[in-house]
Amino acid sequence: MKSPSRALSGGDSKSKRSCLYAMFPAVCLICAIVIFTSLMFSSQPGLSSWKMDAQQSATVDKCKNQCRPKGSEALPAGIVSSTSSFDLRPLWDPPMPRKRGHHHTVEPPEAAAEVKLNASSSLFAMAVGIKQKDLVNKMVKKFLESNFTVMLFHYDGTVDGWNDLEWNSRVIHVSVNGQGKWWFAKRFLHPDIVEDYDYIFLWDEDLGVEHFHPDKYVSIIKLEGLEISQPALDPKISEVHHQITARLRRSTVHRRTYKAGNDGKGCDNNSTAPPCTGWIEMMAPVFSRAAWRCVWYMIQNDLIHAWGLDMQLGYCAQGDRTKNVGVVDSEYIIHYNRPTLGGVDQTVLNPQEKDHRVDVRRLSYRELDIFRKRWEKAVNEDECWVDPFPPSSE
């Protein structure tokens, strides 16, 4: 017979084991929670580090995608000045700010009182020689009166000969012997330099402006949406080389010419290509800022007469060349066809002076052939370029 004490002791052991078995799942659950929580807290720095790395990577990608001018990568973006202008700046007196177009520029103090409220933001540039001083003087006066910036390219090396004209110190002078206006334009009228100007007038020197008003002309081409244009030529007085440039009476602007021709070579309402439409002469072209940026890239650095460029100007017309290229009739000029760039005035006898006009024309035709071949080669080699004016439309 078992003693009472042993019986009691055996009962207690069983009770303790039952209690431990009951507590075991709860203890395991608590331990699992503690371990999981510890792991979460210990991994949090790594999570934060991953987030920071992702943010830094996004910032780096954003910076890489910034379009910065070449050579400015070492500078903070806000200090980079990527454009310029030909505005004259005073050396000592405080500048007098004024609103000019969409930019703020300054005038020399002595001219500040004469600033017009409707100031133009256009540039008039011209290649000049001292022999055409009378015509150049009239043109410069007209454009300065309309508050244009004026730039003269001296191809004969004579600069001091203009000192007697009152406006001489108010214009920009660039002098290089024996160069034409397209040579000057390619080197001194880079699109970033003339970005400040709404329109670029790039004219020859043998033109008459008695019936031309620059400010009215700008108003017309803005209203008509002309990206590339020229003033019409007075057919009664001018030397007219192309029918489309002749002035039409009772017209403000015309964009095409009409001419009978055989084998479909004439010009009519169905014509869509130069020289019937979308074409101007290179004598007195006017370009919008956007059009000039395109044209400047098309000017070949080594082809100084720019022959052939006129037939491709429509590609820079910012859209439909039959609408965005035109000739302004209500503001017209006179083409006197005076000898320039090596030409000799036949009315003045000087046996020591050689007439180089034949040589100039010979080189011009040679450059025309080179330009055409370059254009064809570029079209054939550029697989990504799509012609907006395919030959079938011409």
Protein backbone atom coordinates (compact mmCIF):
# COMPACT_ATOMS: atom_id res chain seq x y z
CA MET A 1 0.00 0.00 0.00
CA LYS A 2 1.40 3.36 -1.08
CA SER A 3 2.01 6.03 1.45
CA PRO A 4 -0.10 9.20 1.25
CA SER A 5 3.01 11.36 0.82
CA ARG A 6 4.12 9.49 -2.31
CA ALA A 7 0.69 9.69 -3.82
CA LEU A 8 0.62 13.42 -3.25
CA SER A 9 4.10 13.87 -4.71
CA GLY A 10 3.22 11.98 -7.91
CA GLY A 11 0.11 14.12 -8.38
CA ASP A 12 2.11 17.34 -8.07
CA SER A 13 4.62 16.27 -10.77
CA LYS A 14 1.90 15.51 -13.23
CA SER A 15 0.25 18.86 -12.55
CA LYS A 16 3.54 20.74 -13.11
CA ARG A 17 4.17 18.99 -16.42
CA SER A 18 0.67 19.79 -17.61
CA CYS A 19 1.18 23.45 -16.70
CA LEU A 20 4.50 23.63 -18.61
CA TYR A 21 2.94 22.02 -21.67
CA ALA A 22 0.18 24.61 -21.59
CA MET A 23 2.64 27.56 -21.33
CA PHE A 24 5.01 26.36 -24.09
CA PRO A 25 3.03 27.66 -27.14
CA ALA A 26 2.59 31.06 -25.49
CA VAL A 27 6.32 31.31 -24.73
CA CYS A 28 7.22 30.34 -28.31
CA LEU A 29 4.86 32.97 -29.68
CA ILE A 30 6.38 35.65 -27.44
CA CYS A 31 9.90 34.63 -28.47
CA ALA A 32 8.94 34.73 -32.16
CA ILE A 33 7.49 38.23 -31.73
CA VAL A 34 10.62 39.44 -29.94
CA ILE A 35 12.92 37.94 -32.58
CA PHE A 36 10.86 39.37 -35.49
CA THR A 37 10.74 42.82 -33.89
CA SER A 38 14.48 42.77 -33.32
CA LEU A 39 15.09 41.83 -36.91
CA MET A 40 12.86 44.63 -38.14
CA PHE A 41 14.65 47.28 -36.10
CA SER A 42 18.07 45.92 -37.01
CA SER A 43 17.21 46.04 -40.77
CA GLN A 44 15.76 49.58 -40.70
CA PRO A 45 19.15 51.34 -41.30
CA GLY A 46 19.65 49.23 -44.39
CA LEU A 47 16.17 50.17 -45.66
CA SER A 48 16.86 53.84 -45.08
CA SER A 49 20.20 53.47 -46.84
CA TRP A 50 18.44 51.91 -49.84
CA LYS A 51 15.99 54.79 -49.98
CA MET A 52 18.83 57.31 -49.83
CA ASP A 53 20.71 55.49 -52.58
CA ALA A 54 17.60 55.54 -54.76
CA GLN A 55 17.11 59.28 -54.20
CA GLN A 56 20.77 59.99 -54.96
CA SER A 57 20.55 57.88 -58.10
CA ALA A 58 17.47 59.81 -59.27
CA THR A 59 19.28 63.10 -58.62
CA VAL A 60 22.30 61.93 -60.57
CA ASP A 61 20.09 60.84 -63.49
CA LYS A 62 18.31 64.20 -63.42
CA CYS A 63 21.61 66.08 -63.52
CA LYS A 64 22.92 63.89 -66.32
CA ASN A 65 19.84 64.73 -68.38
CA GLN A 66 20.34 68.49 -68.06
CA CYS A 67 21.10 70.08 -71.42
CA ARG A 68 24.16 72.20 -70.66
CA PRO A 69 26.28 74.09 -73.19
CA LYS A 70 29.48 72.25 -73.95
CA GLY A 71 32.26 73.45 -71.67
CA SER A 72 29.95 74.72 -68.92
CA GLU A 73 29.68 71.41 -67.05
CA ALA A 74 32.05 72.63 -64.30
CA LEU A 75 29.78 75.61 -63.50
CA PRO A 76 26.52 75.89 -61.57
CA ALA A 77 23.65 76.22 -64.04
CA GLY A 78 22.48 79.61 -62.78
CA ILE A 79 25.76 81.35 -63.63
CA VAL A 80 25.92 80.12 -67.24
CA SER A 81 25.24 82.92 -69.77
CA SER A 82 24.76 81.12 -73.08
CA THR A 83 23.62 84.02 -75.28
CA SER A 84 24.76 87.56 -76.07
CA SER A 85 23.92 90.62 -78.20
CA PHE A 86 25.53 93.63 -79.84
CA ASP A 87 24.10 96.22 -77.45
CA LEU A 88 26.68 98.85 -76.53
CA ARG A 89 27.48 99.14 -72.82
CA PRO A 90 28.84 102.24 -71.05
CA LEU A 91 32.32 101.91 -69.51
CA TRP A 92 31.76 104.15 -66.48
CA ASP A 93 28.33 105.80 -66.07
CA PRO A 94 25.58 103.67 -64.47
CA PRO A 95 23.54 101.83 -67.11
CA MET A 96 20.02 103.02 -67.92
CA PRO A 97 17.74 99.97 -68.19
CA ARG A 98 14.92 99.87 -70.66
CA LYS A 99 12.56 97.25 -72.02
CA ARG A 100 13.47 96.10 -75.48
CA GLY A 101 11.44 93.33 -77.05
CA HIS A 102 11.41 90.49 -74.54
CA HIS A 103 14.80 91.32 -72.99
CA HIS A 104 16.16 94.12 -70.81
CA THR A 105 19.14 95.97 -72.24
CA VAL A 106 20.78 99.34 -71.80
CA GLU A 107 21.55 102.41 -73.90
CA PRO A 108 24.54 104.71 -73.57
CA PRO A 109 23.58 107.66 -71.31
CA GLU A 110 23.73 110.22 -74.13
CA ALA A 111 21.17 108.23 -76.12
CA ALA A 112 18.89 107.26 -73.25
CA ALA A 113 16.70 110.35 -73.64
CA GLU A 114 16.02 109.45 -77.27
CA VAL A 115 14.82 105.90 -76.63
CA LYS A 116 11.45 105.21 -78.19
CA LEU A 117 8.70 103.44 -76.31
CA ASN A 118 8.06 101.09 -79.24
CA ALA A 119 11.72 100.05 -79.45
CA SER A 120 12.51 97.42 -82.03
CA SER A 121 14.40 94.27 -81.18
CA SER A 122 15.84 93.56 -84.62
CA LEU A 123 19.31 93.58 -86.14
CA PHE A 124 20.31 95.18 -89.45
CA ALA A 125 23.62 93.84 -90.82
CA MET A 126 25.25 94.72 -94.13
CA ALA A 127 28.56 94.20 -95.94
CA VAL A 128 29.77 97.62 -97.09
CA GLY A 129 32.50 99.38 -99.04
CA ILE A 130 33.37 103.06 -98.98
CA LYS A 131 32.31 103.46 -102.63
CA GLN A 132 28.66 102.92 -101.62
CA LYS A 133 28.81 105.41 -98.75
CA ASP A 134 25.86 107.45 -99.99
CA LEU A 135 23.46 104.51 -100.14
CA VAL A 136 24.73 102.97 -96.91
CA ASN A 137 24.28 106.29 -95.10
CA LYS A 138 20.61 106.46 -96.08
CA MET A 139 19.94 102.87 -95.06
CA VAL A 140 21.69 103.13 -91.69
CA LYS A 141 19.80 106.33 -90.84
CA LYS A 142 16.46 104.66 -91.60
CA PHE A 143 17.17 101.63 -89.43
CA LEU A 144 18.60 103.62 -86.55
CA GLU A 145 15.47 105.80 -86.57
CA SER A 146 13.50 102.62 -85.97
CA ASN A 147 15.90 101.79 -83.12
CA PHE A 148 17.50 98.79 -84.82
CA THR A 149 20.91 97.52 -83.81
CA VAL A 150 23.13 98.13 -86.85
CA MET A 151 26.25 96.16 -87.77
CA LEU A 152 28.50 96.97 -90.73
CA PHE A 153 30.92 94.47 -92.26
CA HIS A 154 33.70 96.37 -94.07
CA TYR A 155 35.00 94.23 -96.92
CA ASP A 156 37.43 96.87 -98.23
CA GLY A 157 39.26 97.50 -94.95
CA THR A 158 38.20 101.17 -94.88
CA VAL A 159 36.70 102.06 -91.51
CA ASP A 160 37.99 105.57 -90.76
CA GLY A 161 36.31 106.86 -93.92
CA TRP A 162 32.96 106.69 -92.11
CA ASN A 163 34.00 108.81 -89.13
CA ASP A 164 32.40 111.97 -90.49
CA LEU A 165 28.88 110.47 -90.27
CA GLU A 166 27.05 111.33 -87.05
CA TRP A 167 25.86 107.77 -86.48
CA ASN A 168 29.32 106.19 -86.87
CA SER A 169 29.90 105.60 -83.15
CA ARG A 170 26.44 104.09 -82.68
CA VAL A 171 26.95 101.07 -84.92
CA ILE A 172 29.13 97.97 -84.73
CA HIS A 173 32.03 97.84 -87.20
CA VAL A 174 33.80 94.65 -88.29
CA SER A 175 36.56 94.93 -90.89
CA VAL A 176 38.15 92.11 -92.91
CA ASN A 177 39.50 92.69 -96.41
CA GLY A 178 37.99 90.91 -99.39
CA GLN A 179 35.14 89.00 -97.74
CA GLY A 180 31.42 88.86 -98.54
CA LYS A 181 28.39 89.17 -96.29
CA TRP A 182 27.87 85.41 -95.95
CA TRP A 183 31.46 84.96 -94.82
CA PHE A 184 30.86 87.62 -92.15
CA ALA A 185 27.45 86.21 -91.22
CA LYS A 186 28.79 82.72 -90.63
CA ARG A 187 31.51 84.02 -88.31
CA PHE A 188 29.88 86.94 -86.49
CA LEU A 189 26.13 86.21 -86.46
CA HIS A 190 26.05 82.90 -84.61
CA PRO A 191 22.47 82.18 -83.45
CA ASP A 192 23.49 82.40 -79.78
CA ILE A 193 24.98 85.85 -80.39
CA VAL A 194 21.86 87.21 -82.12
CA GLU A 195 19.36 85.41 -79.88
CA ASP A 196 18.29 88.77 -78.47
CA TYR A 197 16.84 89.89 -81.81
CA ASP A 198 13.43 88.98 -83.22
CA TYR A 199 14.50 89.52 -86.83
CA ILE A 200 17.80 89.54 -88.71
CA PHE A 201 18.05 91.81 -91.78
CA LEU A 202 21.07 90.75 -93.84
CA TRP A 203 21.23 93.08 -96.85
CA ASP A 204 23.42 94.09 -99.76
CA GLU A 205 24.70 97.66 -99.93
CA ASP A 206 23.38 98.80 -103.32
CA LEU A 207 19.77 99.27 -102.26
CA GLY A 208 17.51 102.32 -102.04
CA VAL A 209 15.12 102.71 -99.10
CA GLU A 210 13.16 105.83 -100.03
CA HIS A 211 9.89 103.85 -99.88
CA PHE A 212 10.87 101.52 -97.06
CA HIS A 213 10.04 101.84 -93.35
CA PRO A 214 11.66 99.18 -91.11
CA ASP A 215 9.13 99.37 -88.28
CA LYS A 216 6.16 99.02 -90.64
CA TYR A 217 7.88 96.12 -92.40
CA VAL A 218 8.33 94.25 -89.12
CA SER A 219 4.66 94.79 -88.24
CA ILE A 220 3.60 93.31 -91.59
CA ILE A 221 5.73 90.17 -91.43
CA LYS A 222 4.59 89.54 -87.87
CA LEU A 223 0.95 89.87 -88.92
CA GLU A 224 1.45 87.68 -91.99
CA GLY A 225 3.47 85.04 -90.13
CA LEU A 226 6.47 85.30 -92.47
CA GLU A 227 9.54 83.56 -91.05
CA ILE A 228 11.63 84.35 -94.15
CA SER A 229 10.91 87.37 -96.31
CA GLN A 230 12.22 90.25 -98.37
CA PRO A 231 10.87 93.65 -99.47
CA ALA A 232 9.71 93.73 -103.08
CA LEU A 233 11.75 95.55 -105.74
CA ASP A 234 10.39 98.57 -107.57
CA PRO A 235 10.26 97.16 -111.15
CA LYS A 236 10.35 100.60 -112.79
CA ILE A 237 13.73 101.61 -111.34
CA SER A 238 15.31 98.40 -110.05
CA GLU A 239 17.46 95.76 -111.69
CA VAL A 240 15.08 92.80 -111.29
CA HIS A 241 16.61 89.35 -111.78
CA HIS A 242 13.68 87.20 -110.65
CA GLN A 243 10.02 87.82 -111.40
CA ILE A 244 8.84 86.81 -107.93
CA THR A 245 10.75 89.72 -106.35
CA ALA A 246 9.00 92.42 -108.43
CA ARG A 247 6.50 94.55 -106.55
CA LEU A 248 2.80 93.95 -107.13
CA ARG A 249 0.59 97.01 -106.96
CA ARG A 250 -2.46 96.90 -104.66
CA SER A 251 -0.87 94.07 -102.69
CA THR A 252 0.58 93.86 -99.20
CA VAL A 253 2.36 90.51 -99.53
CA HIS A 254 2.68 87.87 -102.21
CA ARG A 255 3.99 84.32 -101.77
CA ARG A 256 4.16 82.98 -105.33
CA THR A 257 4.65 84.00 -108.92
CA TYR A 258 2.91 82.93 -112.12
CA LYS A 259 4.73 82.08 -115.30
CA ALA A 260 3.80 80.05 -118.36
CA GLY A 261 6.09 77.18 -119.19
CA ASN A 262 6.35 74.00 -121.22
CA ASP A 263 6.52 70.45 -119.82
CA GLY A 264 5.10 71.52 -116.47
CA LYS A 265 7.99 73.88 -115.74
CA GLY A 266 5.85 76.96 -115.34
CA CYS A 267 4.47 78.50 -112.14
CA ASP A 268 0.77 78.37 -111.21
CA ASN A 269 -1.52 77.84 -108.23
CA ASN A 270 -0.48 74.19 -108.02
CA SER A 271 3.22 74.96 -107.68
CA THR A 272 4.65 74.01 -104.28
CA ALA A 273 8.40 74.50 -104.70
CA PRO A 274 10.98 77.20 -105.49
CA PRO A 275 11.34 79.33 -107.50
CA CYS A 276 7.56 79.52 -107.96
CA THR A 277 6.81 79.75 -104.23
CA GLY A 278 8.65 79.41 -100.93
CA TRP A 279 11.53 81.44 -102.36
CA ILE A 280 13.23 84.82 -101.94
CA GLU A 281 16.38 86.35 -103.37
CA MET A 282 19.53 86.54 -101.21
CA MET A 283 19.93 90.26 -101.88
CA ALA A 284 17.82 91.58 -98.98
CA PRO A 285 16.63 88.63 -96.87
CA VAL A 286 14.92 88.99 -93.51
CA PHE A 287 14.90 86.04 -91.09
CA SER A 288 13.02 85.41 -87.88
CA ARG A 289 15.10 84.30 -84.91
CA ALA A 290 14.07 80.65 -85.36
CA ALA A 291 14.59 80.69 -89.13
CA TRP A 292 18.05 82.25 -88.80
CA ARG A 293 19.16 79.56 -86.34
CA CYS A 294 18.36 77.00 -89.03
CA VAL A 295 19.81 79.01 -91.94
CA TRP A 296 23.07 79.66 -90.10
CA TYR A 297 23.71 75.93 -89.83
CA MET A 298 23.04 75.52 -93.55
CA ILE A 299 25.58 78.19 -94.56
CA GLN A 300 28.75 76.37 -95.55
CA ASN A 301 31.88 77.71 -93.86
CA ASP A 302 33.99 77.55 -97.02
CA LEU A 303 31.39 78.68 -99.60
CA ILE A 304 31.44 82.46 -99.24
CA HIS A 305 28.89 83.41 -101.93
CA ALA A 306 26.11 81.10 -100.60
CA TRP A 307 24.79 80.26 -104.08
CA GLY A 308 22.21 77.47 -103.90
CA LEU A 309 21.14 78.40 -100.40
CA ASP A 310 18.08 80.26 -101.72
CA MET A 311 16.51 77.07 -103.11
CA GLN A 312 16.70 75.37 -99.71
CA LEU A 313 15.57 78.25 -97.48
CA GLY A 314 12.09 76.73 -97.27
CA TYR A 315 13.45 73.99 -95.03
CA CYS A 316 14.07 76.69 -92.40
CA ALA A 317 10.62 78.31 -92.72
CA GLN A 318 9.32 76.63 -89.54
CA GLY A 319 6.55 74.85 -91.38
CA ASP A 320 4.82 75.30 -94.73
CA ARG A 321 7.19 77.19 -97.02
CA THR A 322 4.34 78.25 -99.30
CA LYS A 323 2.87 80.23 -96.38
CA ASN A 324 5.87 81.23 -94.23
CA VAL A 325 8.06 82.63 -97.03
CA GLY A 326 6.99 85.76 -98.87
CA VAL A 327 7.70 89.10 -100.53
CA VAL A 328 6.34 92.31 -98.97
CA ASP A 329 4.90 94.66 -101.60
CA SER A 330 3.70 97.57 -99.47
CA GLU A 331 7.24 98.21 -98.14
CA TYR A 332 9.55 98.05 -101.14
CA ILE A 333 13.11 98.94 -102.09
CA ILE A 334 15.18 99.80 -105.16
CA HIS A 335 18.02 97.65 -106.46
CA TYR A 336 20.60 99.88 -108.18
CA ASN A 337 22.87 96.95 -109.14
CA ARG A 338 26.05 98.91 -108.45
CA PRO A 339 29.39 97.08 -108.76
CA THR A 340 30.50 95.69 -105.40
CA LEU A 341 32.91 93.04 -104.11
CA GLY A 342 35.62 93.76 -106.63
CA GLY A 343 33.44 95.28 -109.34
CA VAL A 344 34.48 98.45 -111.15
CA ASP A 345 32.22 101.37 -111.95
CA GLN A 346 32.26 101.46 -115.77
CA THR A 347 31.35 105.16 -115.76
CA VAL A 348 34.69 106.02 -114.16
CA LEU A 349 37.77 105.36 -116.28
CA ASN A 350 40.68 103.95 -114.30
CA PRO A 351 42.98 101.66 -116.32
CA GLN A 352 44.86 100.56 -113.18
CA GLU A 353 41.73 99.11 -111.59
CA LYS A 354 40.88 95.52 -112.51
CA ASP A 355 37.26 94.36 -112.71
CA HIS A 356 36.91 91.08 -110.81
CA ARG A 357 33.18 90.60 -111.34
CA VAL A 358 33.78 87.84 -113.90
CA ASP A 359 36.02 86.02 -111.42
CA VAL A 360 33.41 86.41 -108.67
CA ARG A 361 30.69 84.95 -110.88
CA ARG A 362 32.91 82.05 -111.93
CA LEU A 363 33.60 81.16 -108.30
CA SER A 364 29.90 81.54 -107.46
CA TYR A 365 28.90 78.95 -110.06
CA ARG A 366 31.58 76.60 -108.80
CA GLU A 367 30.30 76.98 -105.23
CA LEU A 368 26.74 76.35 -106.44
CA ASP A 369 27.79 73.00 -107.89
CA ILE A 370 29.62 72.08 -104.67
CA PHE A 371 26.63 73.00 -102.50
CA ARG A 372 24.20 70.95 -104.60
CA LYS A 373 26.43 67.89 -104.41
CA ARG A 374 26.82 68.30 -100.64
CA TRP A 375 23.06 68.54 -100.22
CA GLU A 376 22.45 65.40 -102.26
CA LYS A 377 25.15 63.53 -100.33
CA ALA A 378 23.72 64.63 -96.97
CA VAL A 379 20.21 63.54 -97.97
CA ASN A 380 21.42 60.10 -99.07
CA GLU A 381 23.56 59.48 -95.99
CA ASP A 382 21.16 60.63 -93.25
CA GLU A 383 18.88 57.66 -92.59
CA CYS A 384 17.01 59.49 -89.84
CA TRP A 385 16.10 62.59 -91.88
CA VAL A 386 12.64 62.77 -93.44
CA ASP A 387 12.17 65.27 -96.27
CA PRO A 388 9.16 67.50 -95.46
CA PHE A 389 9.08 68.49 -99.14
CA PRO A 390 9.62 65.24 -101.05
CA PRO A 391 10.42 65.56 -104.78
CA SER A 392 7.01 64.17 -105.72
CA SER A 393 5.41 67.34 -104.28
CA GLU A 394 7.58 69.55 -106.49
